Full PDB file with SEQRES, HELIX, SHEET, SSBOND, CRYST1, ORIGX, SCALE, CONECT and MASTER records, all heavy atoms in Angstrom:
SEQRES   1 A   38  ILE LEU GLY SER SER ARG GLN VAL VAL GLU LYS VAL LEU          
SEQRES   2 A   38  VAL CYS LEU ASP VAL THR ASP LYS VAL ALA GLU GLU ALA          
SEQRES   3 A   38  VAL SER ASN GLY ILE ASP LEU ILE VAL SER HIS HIS              
HELIX    1 AA1 ASP A   20  SER A   28  1                                   9    
SHEET    1 AA1 2 VAL A  12  CYS A  15  0                                        
SHEET    2 AA1 2 LEU A  33  SER A  36  1                                        
CRYST1    1.000    1.000    1.000  90.00  90.00  90.00 P 1           1          
ORIGX1      1.000000  0.000000  0.000000        0.00000                         
ORIGX2      0.000000  1.000000  0.000000        0.00000                         
ORIGX3      0.000000  0.000000  1.000000        0.00000                         
SCALE1      1.000000  0.000000  0.000000        0.00000                         
SCALE2      0.000000  1.000000  0.000000        0.00000                         
SCALE3      0.000000  0.000000  1.000000        0.00000                         
ATOM      1  N   ILE A   1      34.363  68.586 343.801  1.00  0.00           N  
ATOM      2  CA  ILE A   1      35.595  68.867 344.731  1.00  0.00           C  
ATOM      3  C   ILE A   1      36.596  67.640 344.348  1.00  0.00           C  
ATOM      4  O   ILE A   1      37.780  67.871 344.611  1.00  0.00           O  
ATOM      5  CB  ILE A   1      35.154  68.912 346.136  1.00  0.00           C  
ATOM      6  CG1 ILE A   1      34.376  70.235 346.349  1.00  0.00           C  
ATOM      7  CG2 ILE A   1      36.257  68.732 347.115  1.00  0.00           C  
ATOM      8  CD1 ILE A   1      33.894  70.422 347.616  1.00  0.00           C  
ATOM      9  N   LEU A   2      36.102  66.497 344.091  1.00  0.00           N  
ATOM     10  CA  LEU A   2      37.032  65.537 343.812  1.00  0.00           C  
ATOM     11  C   LEU A   2      36.498  64.640 342.730  1.00  0.00           C  
ATOM     12  O   LEU A   2      35.285  64.355 342.555  1.00  0.00           O  
ATOM     13  CB  LEU A   2      37.061  64.596 345.085  1.00  0.00           C  
ATOM     14  CG  LEU A   2      38.129  63.550 345.321  1.00  0.00           C  
ATOM     15  CD1 LEU A   2      39.579  64.227 345.464  1.00  0.00           C  
ATOM     16  CD2 LEU A   2      37.908  62.584 346.377  1.00  0.00           C  
ATOM     17  N   GLY A   3      37.447  64.180 341.751  1.00  0.00           N  
ATOM     18  CA  GLY A   3      37.038  63.224 340.727  1.00  0.00           C  
ATOM     19  C   GLY A   3      37.029  63.917 339.356  1.00  0.00           C  
ATOM     20  O   GLY A   3      37.563  64.991 339.103  1.00  0.00           O  
ATOM     21  N   SER A   4      36.379  63.298 338.378  1.00  0.00           N  
ATOM     22  CA  SER A   4      36.290  63.609 337.086  1.00  0.00           C  
ATOM     23  C   SER A   4      34.763  63.919 336.483  1.00  0.00           C  
ATOM     24  O   SER A   4      33.893  63.050 336.821  1.00  0.00           O  
ATOM     25  CB  SER A   4      36.985  62.714 336.070  1.00  0.00           C  
ATOM     26  OG  SER A   4      36.763  62.888 334.731  1.00  0.00           O  
ATOM     27  N   SER A   5      34.707  64.962 335.880  1.00  0.00           N  
ATOM     28  CA  SER A   5      33.385  65.337 335.238  1.00  0.00           C  
ATOM     29  C   SER A   5      33.050  64.173 334.173  1.00  0.00           C  
ATOM     30  O   SER A   5      31.806  64.152 333.804  1.00  0.00           O  
ATOM     31  CB  SER A   5      33.390  66.594 334.668  1.00  0.00           C  
ATOM     32  OG  SER A   5      34.267  66.817 333.612  1.00  0.00           O  
ATOM     33  N   ARG A   6      33.941  63.606 333.600  1.00  0.00           N  
ATOM     34  CA  ARG A   6      33.776  62.656 332.484  1.00  0.00           C  
ATOM     35  C   ARG A   6      33.436  61.185 333.124  1.00  0.00           C  
ATOM     36  O   ARG A   6      33.199  60.264 332.264  1.00  0.00           O  
ATOM     37  CB  ARG A   6      34.925  62.558 331.629  1.00  0.00           C  
ATOM     38  CG  ARG A   6      35.207  63.869 330.830  1.00  0.00           C  
ATOM     39  CD  ARG A   6      36.415  63.733 330.069  1.00  0.00           C  
ATOM     40  NE  ARG A   6      37.595  63.330 330.655  1.00  0.00           N  
ATOM     41  CZ  ARG A   6      38.417  64.271 331.250  1.00  0.00           C  
ATOM     42  NH1 ARG A   6      38.117  65.394 331.245  1.00  0.00           N  
ATOM     43  NH2 ARG A   6      39.563  63.828 331.870  1.00  0.00           N  
ATOM     44  N   GLN A   7      33.483  61.040 334.383  1.00  0.00           N  
ATOM     45  CA  GLN A   7      33.274  59.678 334.996  1.00  0.00           C  
ATOM     46  C   GLN A   7      31.842  59.183 334.774  1.00  0.00           C  
ATOM     47  O   GLN A   7      30.930  59.958 334.995  1.00  0.00           O  
ATOM     48  CB  GLN A   7      33.581  59.653 336.515  1.00  0.00           C  
ATOM     49  CG  GLN A   7      33.416  58.419 337.218  1.00  0.00           C  
ATOM     50  CD  GLN A   7      33.634  58.549 338.706  1.00  0.00           C  
ATOM     51  OE1 GLN A   7      34.000  59.673 339.111  1.00  0.00           O  
ATOM     52  NE2 GLN A   7      33.544  57.454 339.481  1.00  0.00           N  
ATOM     53  N   VAL A   8      31.627  57.971 334.364  1.00  0.00           N  
ATOM     54  CA  VAL A   8      30.428  57.360 334.193  1.00  0.00           C  
ATOM     55  C   VAL A   8      29.942  57.054 335.551  1.00  0.00           C  
ATOM     56  O   VAL A   8      30.599  56.541 336.367  1.00  0.00           O  
ATOM     57  CB  VAL A   8      30.427  55.939 333.365  1.00  0.00           C  
ATOM     58  CG1 VAL A   8      29.122  55.288 333.311  1.00  0.00           C  
ATOM     59  CG2 VAL A   8      30.923  56.335 331.884  1.00  0.00           C  
ATOM     60  N   VAL A   9      28.694  57.392 335.757  1.00  0.00           N  
ATOM     61  CA  VAL A   9      28.022  57.200 337.227  1.00  0.00           C  
ATOM     62  C   VAL A   9      26.887  56.239 337.076  1.00  0.00           C  
ATOM     63  O   VAL A   9      25.980  56.385 336.314  1.00  0.00           O  
ATOM     64  CB  VAL A   9      27.464  58.589 337.761  1.00  0.00           C  
ATOM     65  CG1 VAL A   9      26.826  58.348 339.015  1.00  0.00           C  
ATOM     66  CG2 VAL A   9      28.752  59.500 337.905  1.00  0.00           C  
ATOM     67  N   GLU A  10      26.933  55.287 337.800  1.00  0.00           N  
ATOM     68  CA  GLU A  10      25.897  54.367 337.996  1.00  0.00           C  
ATOM     69  C   GLU A  10      25.151  54.326 339.357  1.00  0.00           C  
ATOM     70  O   GLU A  10      24.017  53.908 339.568  1.00  0.00           O  
ATOM     71  CB  GLU A  10      26.196  52.846 337.641  1.00  0.00           C  
ATOM     72  CG  GLU A  10      26.651  52.723 336.181  1.00  0.00           C  
ATOM     73  CD  GLU A  10      27.244  51.296 335.912  1.00  0.00           C  
ATOM     74  OE1 GLU A  10      27.309  50.584 336.847  1.00  0.00           O  
ATOM     75  OE2 GLU A  10      27.551  51.100 334.597  1.00  0.00           O  
ATOM     76  N   LYS A  11      26.025  54.706 340.378  1.00  0.00           N  
ATOM     77  CA  LYS A  11      25.510  54.735 341.703  1.00  0.00           C  
ATOM     78  C   LYS A  11      25.920  56.028 342.424  1.00  0.00           C  
ATOM     79  O   LYS A  11      27.024  56.404 342.372  1.00  0.00           O  
ATOM     80  CB  LYS A  11      26.032  53.505 342.641  1.00  0.00           C  
ATOM     81  CG  LYS A  11      25.467  52.136 342.030  1.00  0.00           C  
ATOM     82  CD  LYS A  11      26.030  51.098 343.109  1.00  0.00           C  
ATOM     83  CE  LYS A  11      25.573  49.797 342.657  1.00  0.00           C  
ATOM     84  NZ  LYS A  11      26.127  48.649 343.530  1.00  0.00           N  
ATOM     85  N   VAL A  12      24.851  56.598 343.236  1.00  0.00           N  
ATOM     86  CA  VAL A  12      25.171  57.895 343.916  1.00  0.00           C  
ATOM     87  C   VAL A  12      24.724  57.831 345.235  1.00  0.00           C  
ATOM     88  O   VAL A  12      23.672  57.206 345.559  1.00  0.00           O  
ATOM     89  CB  VAL A  12      24.263  59.025 343.198  1.00  0.00           C  
ATOM     90  CG1 VAL A  12      24.443  60.262 343.932  1.00  0.00           C  
ATOM     91  CG2 VAL A  12      24.674  59.189 341.676  1.00  0.00           C  
ATOM     92  N   LEU A  13      25.585  58.282 346.170  1.00  0.00           N  
ATOM     93  CA  LEU A  13      25.231  58.381 347.623  1.00  0.00           C  
ATOM     94  C   LEU A  13      25.076  59.795 348.057  1.00  0.00           C  
ATOM     95  O   LEU A  13      25.958  60.655 347.802  1.00  0.00           O  
ATOM     96  CB  LEU A  13      26.408  57.620 348.367  1.00  0.00           C  
ATOM     97  CG  LEU A  13      26.218  57.442 349.868  1.00  0.00           C  
ATOM     98  CD1 LEU A  13      25.050  56.476 350.120  1.00  0.00           C  
ATOM     99  CD2 LEU A  13      27.517  57.092 350.483  1.00  0.00           C  
ATOM    100  N   VAL A  14      24.000  60.147 348.742  1.00  0.00           N  
ATOM    101  CA  VAL A  14      23.700  61.489 349.081  1.00  0.00           C  
ATOM    102  C   VAL A  14      23.877  61.553 350.663  1.00  0.00           C  
ATOM    103  O   VAL A  14      23.467  60.592 351.432  1.00  0.00           O  
ATOM    104  CB  VAL A  14      22.443  61.891 348.739  1.00  0.00           C  
ATOM    105  CG1 VAL A  14      22.123  63.360 349.143  1.00  0.00           C  
ATOM    106  CG2 VAL A  14      22.088  61.865 347.255  1.00  0.00           C  
ATOM    107  N   CYS A  15      24.727  62.634 351.109  1.00  0.00           N  
ATOM    108  CA  CYS A  15      24.981  62.778 352.545  1.00  0.00           C  
ATOM    109  C   CYS A  15      24.938  64.200 353.003  1.00  0.00           C  
ATOM    110  O   CYS A  15      25.048  65.025 352.153  1.00  0.00           O  
ATOM    111  CB  CYS A  15      26.232  62.003 352.923  1.00  0.00           C  
ATOM    112  SG  CYS A  15      27.747  62.659 352.223  1.00  0.00           S  
ATOM    113  N   LEU A  16      25.151  64.406 354.301  1.00  0.00           N  
ATOM    114  CA  LEU A  16      25.312  65.837 354.732  1.00  0.00           C  
ATOM    115  C   LEU A  16      26.843  66.091 354.796  1.00  0.00           C  
ATOM    116  O   LEU A  16      27.253  67.130 354.342  1.00  0.00           O  
ATOM    117  CB  LEU A  16      24.708  65.872 356.202  1.00  0.00           C  
ATOM    118  CG  LEU A  16      24.383  67.245 356.746  1.00  0.00           C  
ATOM    119  CD1 LEU A  16      23.371  68.009 355.756  1.00  0.00           C  
ATOM    120  CD2 LEU A  16      23.813  67.224 358.109  1.00  0.00           C  
ATOM    121  N   ASP A  17      27.613  65.016 355.337  1.00  0.00           N  
ATOM    122  CA  ASP A  17      28.946  65.277 355.484  1.00  0.00           C  
ATOM    123  C   ASP A  17      29.751  63.973 354.961  1.00  0.00           C  
ATOM    124  O   ASP A  17      29.253  62.785 355.136  1.00  0.00           O  
ATOM    125  CB  ASP A  17      29.364  65.393 356.948  1.00  0.00           C  
ATOM    126  CG  ASP A  17      28.797  66.637 357.585  1.00  0.00           C  
ATOM    127  OD1 ASP A  17      29.416  67.712 357.318  1.00  0.00           O  
ATOM    128  OD2 ASP A  17      27.733  66.570 358.208  1.00  0.00           O  
ATOM    129  N   VAL A  18      30.813  64.093 354.378  1.00  0.00           N  
ATOM    130  CA  VAL A  18      31.711  63.071 353.769  1.00  0.00           C  
ATOM    131  C   VAL A  18      32.725  62.661 355.030  1.00  0.00           C  
ATOM    132  O   VAL A  18      33.732  63.236 355.088  1.00  0.00           O  
ATOM    133  CB  VAL A  18      32.402  63.365 352.572  1.00  0.00           C  
ATOM    134  CG1 VAL A  18      33.222  62.142 352.061  1.00  0.00           C  
ATOM    135  CG2 VAL A  18      31.484  64.000 351.456  1.00  0.00           C  
ATOM    136  N   THR A  19      32.309  61.781 355.798  1.00  0.00           N  
ATOM    137  CA  THR A  19      33.105  61.343 357.045  1.00  0.00           C  
ATOM    138  C   THR A  19      33.705  60.067 356.551  1.00  0.00           C  
ATOM    139  O   THR A  19      33.442  59.477 355.475  1.00  0.00           O  
ATOM    140  CB  THR A  19      32.073  61.039 358.161  1.00  0.00           C  
ATOM    141  OG1 THR A  19      31.292  59.999 357.868  1.00  0.00           O  
ATOM    142  CG2 THR A  19      31.483  62.333 358.686  1.00  0.00           C  
ATOM    143  N   ASP A  20      34.648  59.393 357.421  1.00  0.00           N  
ATOM    144  CA  ASP A  20      35.369  58.269 357.127  1.00  0.00           C  
ATOM    145  C   ASP A  20      34.262  57.085 357.011  1.00  0.00           C  
ATOM    146  O   ASP A  20      34.375  56.238 356.141  1.00  0.00           O  
ATOM    147  CB  ASP A  20      36.197  57.942 358.270  1.00  0.00           C  
ATOM    148  CG  ASP A  20      37.143  56.689 358.018  1.00  0.00           C  
ATOM    149  OD1 ASP A  20      37.804  56.693 356.989  1.00  0.00           O  
ATOM    150  OD2 ASP A  20      37.019  55.734 358.792  1.00  0.00           O  
ATOM    151  N   LYS A  21      33.227  57.093 357.839  1.00  0.00           N  
ATOM    152  CA  LYS A  21      32.167  55.976 357.765  1.00  0.00           C  
ATOM    153  C   LYS A  21      31.430  56.223 356.510  1.00  0.00           C  
ATOM    154  O   LYS A  21      31.127  55.037 355.880  1.00  0.00           O  
ATOM    155  CB  LYS A  21      31.153  56.259 358.949  1.00  0.00           C  
ATOM    156  CG  LYS A  21      31.862  55.734 360.260  1.00  0.00           C  
ATOM    157  CD  LYS A  21      30.707  55.830 361.373  1.00  0.00           C  
ATOM    158  CE  LYS A  21      31.311  55.257 362.734  1.00  0.00           C  
ATOM    159  NZ  LYS A  21      30.183  55.406 363.841  1.00  0.00           N  
ATOM    160  N   VAL A  22      31.176  57.340 356.069  1.00  0.00           N  
ATOM    161  CA  VAL A  22      30.431  57.479 354.768  1.00  0.00           C  
ATOM    162  C   VAL A  22      31.331  57.096 353.550  1.00  0.00           C  
ATOM    163  O   VAL A  22      30.779  56.425 352.617  1.00  0.00           O  
ATOM    164  CB  VAL A  22      29.999  58.961 354.547  1.00  0.00           C  
ATOM    165  CG1 VAL A  22      29.367  59.225 353.236  1.00  0.00           C  
ATOM    166  CG2 VAL A  22      28.881  59.393 355.580  1.00  0.00           C  
ATOM    167  N   ALA A  23      32.656  57.382 353.715  1.00  0.00           N  
ATOM    168  CA  ALA A  23      33.510  57.031 352.560  1.00  0.00           C  
ATOM    169  C   ALA A  23      33.579  55.438 352.533  1.00  0.00           C  
ATOM    170  O   ALA A  23      33.589  54.825 351.376  1.00  0.00           O  
ATOM    171  CB  ALA A  23      34.875  57.538 352.821  1.00  0.00           C  
ATOM    172  N   GLU A  24      33.641  54.793 353.650  1.00  0.00           N  
ATOM    173  CA  GLU A  24      33.661  53.332 353.719  1.00  0.00           C  
ATOM    174  C   GLU A  24      32.431  52.743 353.071  1.00  0.00           C  
ATOM    175  O   GLU A  24      32.374  51.670 352.436  1.00  0.00           O  
ATOM    176  CB  GLU A  24      33.910  52.796 355.080  1.00  0.00           C  
ATOM    177  CG  GLU A  24      35.433  53.121 355.556  1.00  0.00           C  
ATOM    178  CD  GLU A  24      36.426  52.320 354.659  1.00  0.00           C  
ATOM    179  OE1 GLU A  24      36.061  51.284 354.145  1.00  0.00           O  
ATOM    180  OE2 GLU A  24      37.536  52.713 354.632  1.00  0.00           O  
ATOM    181  N   GLU A  25      31.418  53.306 353.450  1.00  0.00           N  
ATOM    182  CA  GLU A  25      29.993  52.971 352.979  1.00  0.00           C  
ATOM    183  C   GLU A  25      29.935  53.034 351.465  1.00  0.00           C  
ATOM    184  O   GLU A  25      29.392  52.109 350.802  1.00  0.00           O  
ATOM    185  CB  GLU A  25      28.919  53.772 353.644  1.00  0.00           C  
ATOM    186  CG  GLU A  25      27.433  53.491 353.076  1.00  0.00           C  
ATOM    187  CD  GLU A  25      26.446  54.515 353.660  1.00  0.00           C  
ATOM    188  OE1 GLU A  25      26.804  55.661 354.019  1.00  0.00           O  
ATOM    189  OE2 GLU A  25      25.326  54.191 353.587  1.00  0.00           O  
ATOM    190  N   ALA A  26      30.562  54.183 350.908  1.00  0.00           N  
ATOM    191  CA  ALA A  26      30.622  54.254 349.538  1.00  0.00           C  
ATOM    192  C   ALA A  26      31.400  53.254 348.804  1.00  0.00           C  
ATOM    193  O   ALA A  26      31.131  52.775 347.732  1.00  0.00           O  
ATOM    194  CB  ALA A  26      31.020  55.753 349.090  1.00  0.00           C  
ATOM    195  N   VAL A  27      32.564  52.999 349.418  1.00  0.00           N  
ATOM    196  CA  VAL A  27      33.582  51.897 348.884  1.00  0.00           C  
ATOM    197  C   VAL A  27      32.683  50.692 348.854  1.00  0.00           C  
ATOM    198  O   VAL A  27      32.811  49.828 347.898  1.00  0.00           O  
ATOM    199  CB  VAL A  27      34.780  51.871 349.630  1.00  0.00           C  
ATOM    200  CG1 VAL A  27      35.600  50.681 349.165  1.00  0.00           C  
ATOM    201  CG2 VAL A  27      35.561  53.220 349.436  1.00  0.00           C  
ATOM    202  N   SER A  28      32.119  50.312 350.074  1.00  0.00           N  
ATOM    203  CA  SER A  28      31.399  48.917 350.156  1.00  0.00           C  
ATOM    204  C   SER A  28      30.300  48.707 349.204  1.00  0.00           C  
ATOM    205  O   SER A  28      30.066  47.555 348.752  1.00  0.00           O  
ATOM    206  CB  SER A  28      30.937  48.739 351.528  1.00  0.00           C  
ATOM    207  OG  SER A  28      32.115  48.873 352.568  1.00  0.00           O  
ATOM    208  N   ASN A  29      29.653  49.809 348.821  1.00  0.00           N  
ATOM    209  CA  ASN A  29      28.497  49.783 347.875  1.00  0.00           C  
ATOM    210  C   ASN A  29      28.888  50.061 346.473  1.00  0.00           C  
ATOM    211  O   ASN A  29      27.830  50.246 345.669  1.00  0.00           O  
ATOM    212  CB  ASN A  29      27.393  50.580 348.382  1.00  0.00           C  
ATOM    213  CG  ASN A  29      26.690  50.082 349.640  1.00  0.00           C  
ATOM    214  OD1 ASN A  29      26.030  49.204 349.665  1.00  0.00           O  
ATOM    215  ND2 ASN A  29      27.227  50.677 350.866  1.00  0.00           N  
ATOM    216  N   GLY A  30      30.064  50.249 346.039  1.00  0.00           N  
ATOM    217  CA  GLY A  30      30.436  50.531 344.750  1.00  0.00           C  
ATOM    218  C   GLY A  30      29.906  51.793 344.241  1.00  0.00           C  
ATOM    219  O   GLY A  30      29.516  51.959 342.926  1.00  0.00           O  
ATOM    220  N   ILE A  31      29.937  52.874 344.976  1.00  0.00           N  
ATOM    221  CA  ILE A  31      29.393  54.233 344.685  1.00  0.00           C  
ATOM    222  C   ILE A  31      30.400  54.913 343.714  1.00  0.00           C  
ATOM    223  O   ILE A  31      31.725  54.818 344.028  1.00  0.00           O  
ATOM    224  CB  ILE A  31      29.211  55.061 345.963  1.00  0.00           C  
ATOM    225  CG1 ILE A  31      28.119  54.364 346.956  1.00  0.00           C  
ATOM    226  CG2 ILE A  31      28.876  56.412 345.619  1.00  0.00           C  
ATOM    227  CD1 ILE A  31      26.853  54.326 346.316  1.00  0.00           C  
ATOM    228  N   ASP A  32      29.865  55.547 342.811  1.00  0.00           N  
ATOM    229  CA  ASP A  32      30.680  56.387 341.739  1.00  0.00           C  
ATOM    230  C   ASP A  32      30.738  57.734 342.218  1.00  0.00           C  
ATOM    231  O   ASP A  32      31.756  58.405 341.963  1.00  0.00           O  
ATOM    232  CB  ASP A  32      30.134  56.345 340.475  1.00  0.00           C  
ATOM    233  CG  ASP A  32      29.895  54.733 339.948  1.00  0.00           C  
ATOM    234  OD1 ASP A  32      31.083  54.081 339.923  1.00  0.00           O  
ATOM    235  OD2 ASP A  32      28.872  54.350 339.643  1.00  0.00           O  
ATOM    236  N   LEU A  33      29.704  58.335 342.771  1.00  0.00           N  
ATOM    237  CA  LEU A  33      29.604  59.809 343.080  1.00  0.00           C  
ATOM    238  C   LEU A  33      28.865  59.970 344.453  1.00  0.00           C  
ATOM    239  O   LEU A  33      27.862  59.483 344.708  1.00  0.00           O  
ATOM    240  CB  LEU A  33      28.733  60.512 342.015  1.00  0.00           C  
ATOM    241  CG  LEU A  33      28.456  61.988 342.312  1.00  0.00           C  
ATOM    242  CD1 LEU A  33      29.778  62.848 342.343  1.00  0.00           C  
ATOM    243  CD2 LEU A  33      27.565  62.580 341.221  1.00  0.00           C  
ATOM    244  N   ILE A  34      29.568  60.609 345.300  1.00  0.00           N  
ATOM    245  CA  ILE A  34      28.985  61.129 346.495  1.00  0.00           C  
ATOM    246  C   ILE A  34      28.468  62.659 346.397  1.00  0.00           C  
ATOM    247  O   ILE A  34      29.229  63.522 345.930  1.00  0.00           O  
ATOM    248  CB  ILE A  34      29.941  61.142 347.762  1.00  0.00           C  
ATOM    249  CG1 ILE A  34      30.320  59.654 347.948  1.00  0.00           C  
ATOM    250  CG2 ILE A  34      29.365  61.673 348.870  1.00  0.00           C  
ATOM    251  CD1 ILE A  34      31.526  59.563 349.064  1.00  0.00           C  
ATOM    252  N   VAL A  35      27.177  62.965 346.743  1.00  0.00           N  
ATOM    253  CA  VAL A  35      26.714  64.309 346.765  1.00  0.00           C  
ATOM    254  C   VAL A  35      26.617  64.583 348.154  1.00  0.00           C  
ATOM    255  O   VAL A  35      25.727  64.011 348.900  1.00  0.00           O  
ATOM    256  CB  VAL A  35      25.416  64.265 346.014  1.00  0.00           C  
ATOM    257  CG1 VAL A  35      24.729  65.809 346.153  1.00  0.00           C  
ATOM    258  CG2 VAL A  35      25.613  64.027 344.471  1.00  0.00           C  
ATOM    259  N   SER A  36      27.382  65.687 348.726  1.00  0.00           N  
ATOM    260  CA  SER A  36      27.313  66.059 350.062  1.00  0.00           C  
ATOM    261  C   SER A  36      26.845  67.500 350.197  1.00  0.00           C  
ATOM    262  O   SER A  36      26.925  68.282 349.138  1.00  0.00           O  
ATOM    263  CB  SER A  36      28.624  65.948 350.661  1.00  0.00           C  
ATOM    264  OG  SER A  36      29.564  66.929 350.215  1.00  0.00           O  
ATOM    265  N   HIS A  37      26.302  67.874 351.348  1.00  0.00           N  
ATOM    266  CA  HIS A  37      26.031  69.329 351.592  1.00  0.00           C  
ATOM    267  C   HIS A  37      27.212  70.145 352.019  1.00  0.00           C  
ATOM    268  O   HIS A  37      27.598  71.109 351.335  1.00  0.00           O  
ATOM    269  CB  HIS A  37      24.826  69.383 352.626  1.00  0.00           C  
ATOM    270  CG  HIS A  37      24.522  70.820 352.950  1.00  0.00           C  
ATOM    271  ND1 HIS A  37      24.279  71.785 352.119  1.00  0.00           N  
ATOM    272  CD2 HIS A  37      24.551  71.404 354.187  1.00  0.00           C  
ATOM    273  CE1 HIS A  37      24.130  73.061 352.677  1.00  0.00           C  
ATOM    274  NE2 HIS A  37      24.064  72.687 353.979  1.00  0.00           N  
ATOM    275  N   HIS A  38      28.007  69.595 353.066  1.00  0.00           N  
ATOM    276  CA  HIS A  38      29.078  70.271 353.511  1.00  0.00           C  
ATOM    277  C   HIS A  38      30.282  69.816 352.651  1.00  0.00           C  
ATOM    278  O   HIS A  38      30.515  68.804 352.340  1.00  0.00           O  
ATOM    279  CB  HIS A  38      29.374  69.853 354.934  1.00  0.00           C  
ATOM    280  CG  HIS A  38      28.269  70.443 355.893  1.00  0.00           C  
ATOM    281  ND1 HIS A  38      27.663  69.619 356.806  1.00  0.00           N  
ATOM    282  CD2 HIS A  38      27.696  71.606 355.963  1.00  0.00           C  
ATOM    283  CE1 HIS A  38      26.819  70.320 357.417  1.00  0.00           C  
ATOM    284  NE2 HIS A  38      26.775  71.649 357.039  1.00  0.00           N  
TER     285      HIS A  38                                                      
MASTER        0    0    0    1    2    0    0    6  284    1    0    3          
END                                                                             
């Protein structure tokens, strides 16, 4: 839904929903890809 298929991924965060708190968590932890259900 967002980003590039060519992006190199070193860190993945898995969640149910991409909320503001989850996004901040991803930024703080240097996440490259979020995998969500919703």
